[in-house]
Amino acid sequence: MKARDRVAVAALRAALAAIDNAEAVDRAPAVDKRLAIEQIPVGVGAAEVARQVLTEADVARIVRAEVDEREAAARDYERAGRHERAEQLRAEANVLSAHL
């Protein structure tokens, strides 16, 4: 990262965001029924819930999915004649694959 490798930074940031999204907890359907202003929890941390805990296998699955998405998009860009963008996506996929 100190070398300012933009491809690696972009790939790792996207993977971290995907992992962060996977840790998010779904809202219960009943929450939407109680959203009147007088019923909303007030105060710091009043509406906080614990995030999901991912296993190493879950994280590896997410990263593999990110790699697969980039490779599929690279093929699409290659077919569309955008070789430069396809190369960038393949480079990002290689960076992520190295971390598996």
N, C-alpha and C. Protein backbone atom coordinates (compact mmCIF):
# COMPACT_ATOMS: atom_id res chain seq x y z
N MET A 1 0.82 -1.19 0.00
CA MET A 1 0.00 0.00 0.00
C MET A 1 0.87 1.26 0.00
N LYS A 2 2.02 1.17 0.67
CA LYS A 2 2.89 2.34 0.72
C LYS A 2 3.42 2.68 -0.67
N ALA A 3 3.52 1.67 -1.54
CA ALA A 3 4.02 1.91 -2.89
C ALA A 3 2.95 2.56 -3.77
N ARG A 4 1.78 2.77 -3.20
CA ARG A 4 0.66 3.40 -3.91
C ARG A 4 0.25 2.60 -5.14
N ASP A 5 0.11 1.32 -4.96
CA ASP A 5 -0.36 0.44 -6.02
C ASP A 5 -1.88 0.60 -6.12
N ARG A 6 -2.31 1.40 -7.06
CA ARG A 6 -3.73 1.74 -7.16
C ARG A 6 -4.61 0.52 -7.44
N VAL A 7 -4.10 -0.41 -8.23
CA VAL A 7 -4.89 -1.61 -8.54
C VAL A 7 -5.12 -2.42 -7.28
N ALA A 8 -4.06 -2.64 -6.50
CA ALA A 8 -4.19 -3.42 -5.27
C ALA A 8 -5.09 -2.71 -4.27
N VAL A 9 -4.94 -1.42 -4.15
CA VAL A 9 -5.77 -0.66 -3.21
C VAL A 9 -7.24 -0.76 -3.59
N ALA A 10 -7.55 -0.61 -4.86
CA ALA A 10 -8.94 -0.69 -5.31
C ALA A 10 -9.52 -2.07 -5.06
N ALA A 11 -8.75 -3.11 -5.36
CA ALA A 11 -9.24 -4.48 -5.18
C ALA A 11 -9.46 -4.79 -3.70
N LEU A 12 -8.51 -4.42 -2.87
CA LEU A 12 -8.62 -4.72 -1.44
C LEU A 12 -9.73 -3.91 -0.78
N ARG A 13 -9.90 -2.68 -1.18
CA ARG A 13 -10.99 -1.87 -0.61
C ARG A 13 -12.35 -2.46 -0.98
N ALA A 14 -12.49 -2.90 -2.22
CA ALA A 14 -13.76 -3.50 -2.64
C ALA A 14 -14.02 -4.80 -1.90
N ALA A 15 -12.98 -5.60 -1.70
CA ALA A 15 -13.15 -6.86 -0.97
C ALA A 15 -13.51 -6.59 0.49
N LEU A 16 -12.86 -5.62 1.11
CA LEU A 16 -13.19 -5.27 2.49
C LEU A 16 -14.62 -4.77 2.61
N ALA A 17 -15.08 -4.01 1.63
CA ALA A 17 -16.46 -3.52 1.65
C ALA A 17 -17.44 -4.69 1.51
N ALA A 18 -17.11 -5.66 0.67
CA ALA A 18 -17.98 -6.83 0.50
C ALA A 18 -18.05 -7.64 1.80
N ILE A 19 -16.92 -7.77 2.48
CA ILE A 19 -16.89 -8.48 3.76
C ILE A 19 -17.69 -7.71 4.80
N ASP A 20 -17.52 -6.40 4.82
CA ASP A 20 -18.27 -5.56 5.76
C ASP A 20 -19.77 -5.68 5.52
N ASN A 21 -20.18 -5.70 4.26
CA ASN A 21 -21.60 -5.84 3.93
C ASN A 21 -22.14 -7.20 4.36
N ALA A 22 -21.31 -8.23 4.24
CA ALA A 22 -21.75 -9.57 4.63
C ALA A 22 -21.92 -9.69 6.15
N GLU A 23 -21.21 -8.87 6.90
CA GLU A 23 -21.32 -8.89 8.37
C GLU A 23 -22.57 -8.16 8.86
N ALA A 24 -23.19 -7.40 7.99
CA ALA A 24 -24.38 -6.62 8.40
C ALA A 24 -25.52 -7.55 8.76
N VAL A 25 -26.32 -7.12 9.71
CA VAL A 25 -27.45 -7.90 10.18
C VAL A 25 -28.71 -7.40 9.48
N ASP A 26 -29.52 -8.34 9.00
CA ASP A 26 -30.79 -7.96 8.37
C ASP A 26 -31.75 -7.41 9.43
N ARG A 27 -32.53 -6.43 9.01
CA ARG A 27 -33.52 -5.87 9.93
C ARG A 27 -34.71 -6.80 10.02
N ALA A 28 -35.25 -6.89 11.19
CA ALA A 28 -36.46 -7.70 11.38
C ALA A 28 -37.63 -7.00 10.71
N PRO A 29 -38.57 -7.75 10.12
CA PRO A 29 -39.70 -7.11 9.45
C PRO A 29 -40.55 -6.26 10.39
N ALA A 30 -40.57 -6.60 11.66
CA ALA A 30 -41.38 -5.84 12.62
C ALA A 30 -40.84 -4.44 12.87
N VAL A 31 -39.57 -4.21 12.55
CA VAL A 31 -38.95 -2.91 12.79
C VAL A 31 -39.66 -1.82 11.98
N ASP A 32 -40.00 -2.13 10.75
CA ASP A 32 -40.63 -1.12 9.90
C ASP A 32 -42.02 -0.71 10.40
N LYS A 33 -42.67 -1.56 11.16
CA LYS A 33 -44.00 -1.23 11.67
C LYS A 33 -43.93 -0.27 12.86
N ARG A 34 -42.75 -0.19 13.49
CA ARG A 34 -42.62 0.64 14.69
C ARG A 34 -41.76 1.88 14.43
N LEU A 35 -41.86 2.47 13.28
CA LEU A 35 -41.00 3.60 12.97
C LEU A 35 -41.65 4.96 13.18
N ALA A 36 -42.68 5.01 13.97
CA ALA A 36 -43.26 6.30 14.32
C ALA A 36 -42.23 7.06 15.14
N ILE A 37 -42.18 8.35 14.99
CA ILE A 37 -41.15 9.16 15.64
C ILE A 37 -41.11 8.96 17.15
N GLU A 38 -42.26 8.76 17.76
CA GLU A 38 -42.26 8.61 19.21
C GLU A 38 -41.81 7.21 19.66
N GLN A 39 -41.65 6.28 18.71
CA GLN A 39 -41.23 4.93 19.07
C GLN A 39 -39.79 4.61 18.69
N ILE A 40 -39.10 5.55 18.08
CA ILE A 40 -37.72 5.31 17.65
C ILE A 40 -36.81 5.36 18.88
N PRO A 41 -35.92 4.37 19.02
CA PRO A 41 -34.98 4.39 20.15
C PRO A 41 -34.10 5.64 20.10
N VAL A 42 -33.83 6.22 21.24
CA VAL A 42 -33.06 7.45 21.30
C VAL A 42 -31.80 7.21 22.13
N GLY A 43 -30.73 7.86 21.75
CA GLY A 43 -29.50 7.78 22.51
C GLY A 43 -28.40 7.02 21.76
N VAL A 44 -27.19 7.24 22.19
CA VAL A 44 -26.04 6.61 21.55
C VAL A 44 -26.12 5.10 21.76
N GLY A 45 -26.09 4.36 20.66
CA GLY A 45 -26.10 2.91 20.72
C GLY A 45 -27.44 2.27 21.01
N ALA A 46 -28.51 3.05 21.08
CA ALA A 46 -29.82 2.51 21.43
C ALA A 46 -30.34 1.52 20.38
N ALA A 47 -29.97 1.71 19.13
CA ALA A 47 -30.48 0.85 18.07
C ALA A 47 -29.39 -0.08 17.52
N GLU A 48 -28.27 -0.20 18.20
CA GLU A 48 -27.17 -1.02 17.71
C GLU A 48 -27.43 -2.49 17.97
N VAL A 49 -27.02 -3.31 17.03
CA VAL A 49 -27.07 -4.77 17.19
C VAL A 49 -25.70 -5.33 16.83
N ALA A 50 -25.41 -6.48 17.37
CA ALA A 50 -24.12 -7.11 17.08
C ALA A 50 -24.09 -7.55 15.62
N ARG A 51 -22.92 -7.39 15.01
CA ARG A 51 -22.76 -7.80 13.61
C ARG A 51 -22.56 -9.30 13.54
N GLN A 52 -22.83 -9.87 12.39
CA GLN A 52 -22.61 -11.30 12.20
C GLN A 52 -21.12 -11.59 12.23
N VAL A 53 -20.77 -12.74 12.76
CA VAL A 53 -19.37 -13.16 12.80
C VAL A 53 -19.14 -14.12 11.63
N LEU A 54 -18.20 -13.78 10.78
CA LEU A 54 -17.90 -14.61 9.62
C LEU A 54 -16.74 -15.54 9.92
N THR A 55 -16.82 -16.74 9.40
CA THR A 55 -15.71 -17.69 9.54
C THR A 55 -14.70 -17.42 8.44
N GLU A 56 -13.54 -18.05 8.54
CA GLU A 56 -12.54 -17.91 7.48
C GLU A 56 -13.08 -18.41 6.16
N ALA A 57 -13.87 -19.47 6.21
CA ALA A 57 -14.47 -20.02 5.00
C ALA A 57 -15.42 -19.01 4.36
N ASP A 58 -16.19 -18.30 5.18
CA ASP A 58 -17.10 -17.27 4.67
C ASP A 58 -16.32 -16.16 3.98
N VAL A 59 -15.25 -15.72 4.61
CA VAL A 59 -14.44 -14.64 4.04
C VAL A 59 -13.80 -15.11 2.73
N ALA A 60 -13.29 -16.34 2.71
CA ALA A 60 -12.68 -16.87 1.49
C ALA A 60 -13.72 -16.97 0.37
N ARG A 61 -14.95 -17.37 0.72
CA ARG A 61 -16.02 -17.46 -0.27
C ARG A 61 -16.34 -16.08 -0.85
N ILE A 62 -16.36 -15.07 0.00
CA ILE A 62 -16.64 -13.71 -0.45
C ILE A 62 -15.53 -13.21 -1.38
N VAL A 63 -14.28 -13.46 -1.00
CA VAL A 63 -13.16 -13.01 -1.83
C VAL A 63 -13.16 -13.75 -3.16
N ARG A 64 -13.45 -15.06 -3.13
CA ARG A 64 -13.54 -15.82 -4.39
C ARG A 64 -14.64 -15.26 -5.29
N ALA A 65 -15.76 -14.87 -4.69
CA ALA A 65 -16.85 -14.27 -5.46
C ALA A 65 -16.41 -12.96 -6.09
N GLU A 66 -15.64 -12.17 -5.35
CA GLU A 66 -15.11 -10.92 -5.90
C GLU A 66 -14.17 -11.20 -7.07
N VAL A 67 -13.34 -12.23 -6.95
CA VAL A 67 -12.43 -12.61 -8.04
C VAL A 67 -13.24 -13.03 -9.26
N ASP A 68 -14.25 -13.87 -9.04
CA ASP A 68 -15.09 -14.34 -10.15
C ASP A 68 -15.81 -13.19 -10.84
N GLU A 69 -16.30 -12.23 -10.05
CA GLU A 69 -16.97 -11.07 -10.64
C GLU A 69 -16.03 -10.27 -11.53
N ARG A 70 -14.81 -10.08 -11.07
CA ARG A 70 -13.84 -9.32 -11.86
C ARG A 70 -13.46 -10.05 -13.14
N GLU A 71 -13.30 -11.37 -13.05
CA GLU A 71 -12.94 -12.13 -14.24
C GLU A 71 -14.08 -12.12 -15.26
N ALA A 72 -15.32 -12.23 -14.78
CA ALA A 72 -16.47 -12.18 -15.69
C ALA A 72 -16.58 -10.80 -16.34
N ALA A 73 -16.39 -9.77 -15.54
CA ALA A 73 -16.47 -8.41 -16.09
C ALA A 73 -15.33 -8.17 -17.08
N ALA A 74 -14.15 -8.72 -16.80
CA ALA A 74 -13.02 -8.56 -17.72
C ALA A 74 -13.34 -9.21 -19.06
N ARG A 75 -13.97 -10.39 -19.04
CA ARG A 75 -14.36 -11.04 -20.30
C ARG A 75 -15.35 -10.17 -21.07
N ASP A 76 -16.30 -9.57 -20.35
CA ASP A 76 -17.28 -8.71 -21.01
C ASP A 76 -16.61 -7.48 -21.62
N TYR A 77 -15.71 -6.86 -20.87
CA TYR A 77 -15.00 -5.70 -21.40
C TYR A 77 -14.13 -6.08 -22.60
N GLU A 78 -13.54 -7.26 -22.55
CA GLU A 78 -12.70 -7.73 -23.65
C GLU A 78 -13.55 -7.87 -24.92
N ARG A 79 -14.73 -8.44 -24.78
CA ARG A 79 -15.64 -8.59 -25.93
C ARG A 79 -16.09 -7.23 -26.46
N ALA A 80 -16.20 -6.26 -25.57
CA ALA A 80 -16.64 -4.91 -25.97
C ALA A 80 -15.49 -4.08 -26.54
N GLY A 81 -14.29 -4.65 -26.54
CA GLY A 81 -13.15 -3.94 -27.10
C GLY A 81 -12.46 -3.00 -26.13
N ARG A 82 -12.80 -3.08 -24.85
CA ARG A 82 -12.18 -2.21 -23.83
C ARG A 82 -11.08 -3.00 -23.14
N HIS A 83 -10.00 -3.23 -23.85
CA HIS A 83 -8.90 -4.09 -23.38
C HIS A 83 -8.20 -3.53 -22.15
N GLU A 84 -8.09 -2.21 -22.08
CA GLU A 84 -7.41 -1.58 -20.94
C GLU A 84 -8.16 -1.84 -19.63
N ARG A 85 -9.47 -1.67 -19.67
CA ARG A 85 -10.28 -1.92 -18.46
C ARG A 85 -10.28 -3.41 -18.11
N ALA A 86 -10.30 -4.27 -19.13
CA ALA A 86 -10.25 -5.71 -18.88
C ALA A 86 -8.94 -6.08 -18.19
N GLU A 87 -7.84 -5.50 -18.61
CA GLU A 87 -6.54 -5.77 -17.98
C GLU A 87 -6.53 -5.32 -16.53
N GLN A 88 -7.13 -4.16 -16.26
CA GLN A 88 -7.19 -3.64 -14.90
C GLN A 88 -7.98 -4.59 -14.00
N LEU A 89 -9.10 -5.09 -14.50
CA LEU A 89 -9.92 -6.01 -13.71
C LEU A 89 -9.19 -7.33 -13.49
N ARG A 90 -8.47 -7.80 -14.49
CA ARG A 90 -7.69 -9.03 -14.31
C ARG A 90 -6.58 -8.83 -13.28
N ALA A 91 -5.97 -7.67 -13.29
CA ALA A 91 -4.93 -7.37 -12.30
C ALA A 91 -5.53 -7.35 -10.89
N GLU A 92 -6.72 -6.77 -10.74
CA GLU A 92 -7.38 -6.77 -9.44
C GLU A 92 -7.71 -8.19 -9.01
N ALA A 93 -8.17 -9.03 -9.94
CA ALA A 93 -8.48 -10.42 -9.63
C ALA A 93 -7.22 -11.16 -9.17
N ASN A 94 -6.09 -10.85 -9.79
CA ASN A 94 -4.83 -11.49 -9.40
C ASN A 94 -4.41 -11.07 -7.99
N VAL A 95 -4.61 -9.81 -7.66
CA VAL A 95 -4.28 -9.31 -6.33
C VAL A 95 -5.12 -10.05 -5.28
N LEU A 96 -6.41 -10.17 -5.53
CA LEU A 96 -7.29 -10.85 -4.59
C LEU A 96 -6.97 -12.34 -4.50
N SER A 97 -6.65 -12.95 -5.62
CA SER A 97 -6.30 -14.38 -5.62
C SER A 97 -5.05 -14.64 -4.80
N ALA A 98 -4.13 -13.70 -4.80
CA ALA A 98 -2.90 -13.85 -4.02
C ALA A 98 -3.17 -13.86 -2.54
N HIS A 99 -4.28 -13.30 -2.11
CA HIS A 99 -4.60 -13.22 -0.69
C HIS A 99 -5.49 -14.38 -0.22
N LEU A 100 -5.82 -15.29 -1.10
CA LEU A 100 -6.64 -16.45 -0.71
C LEU A 100 -5.78 -17.53 -0.09
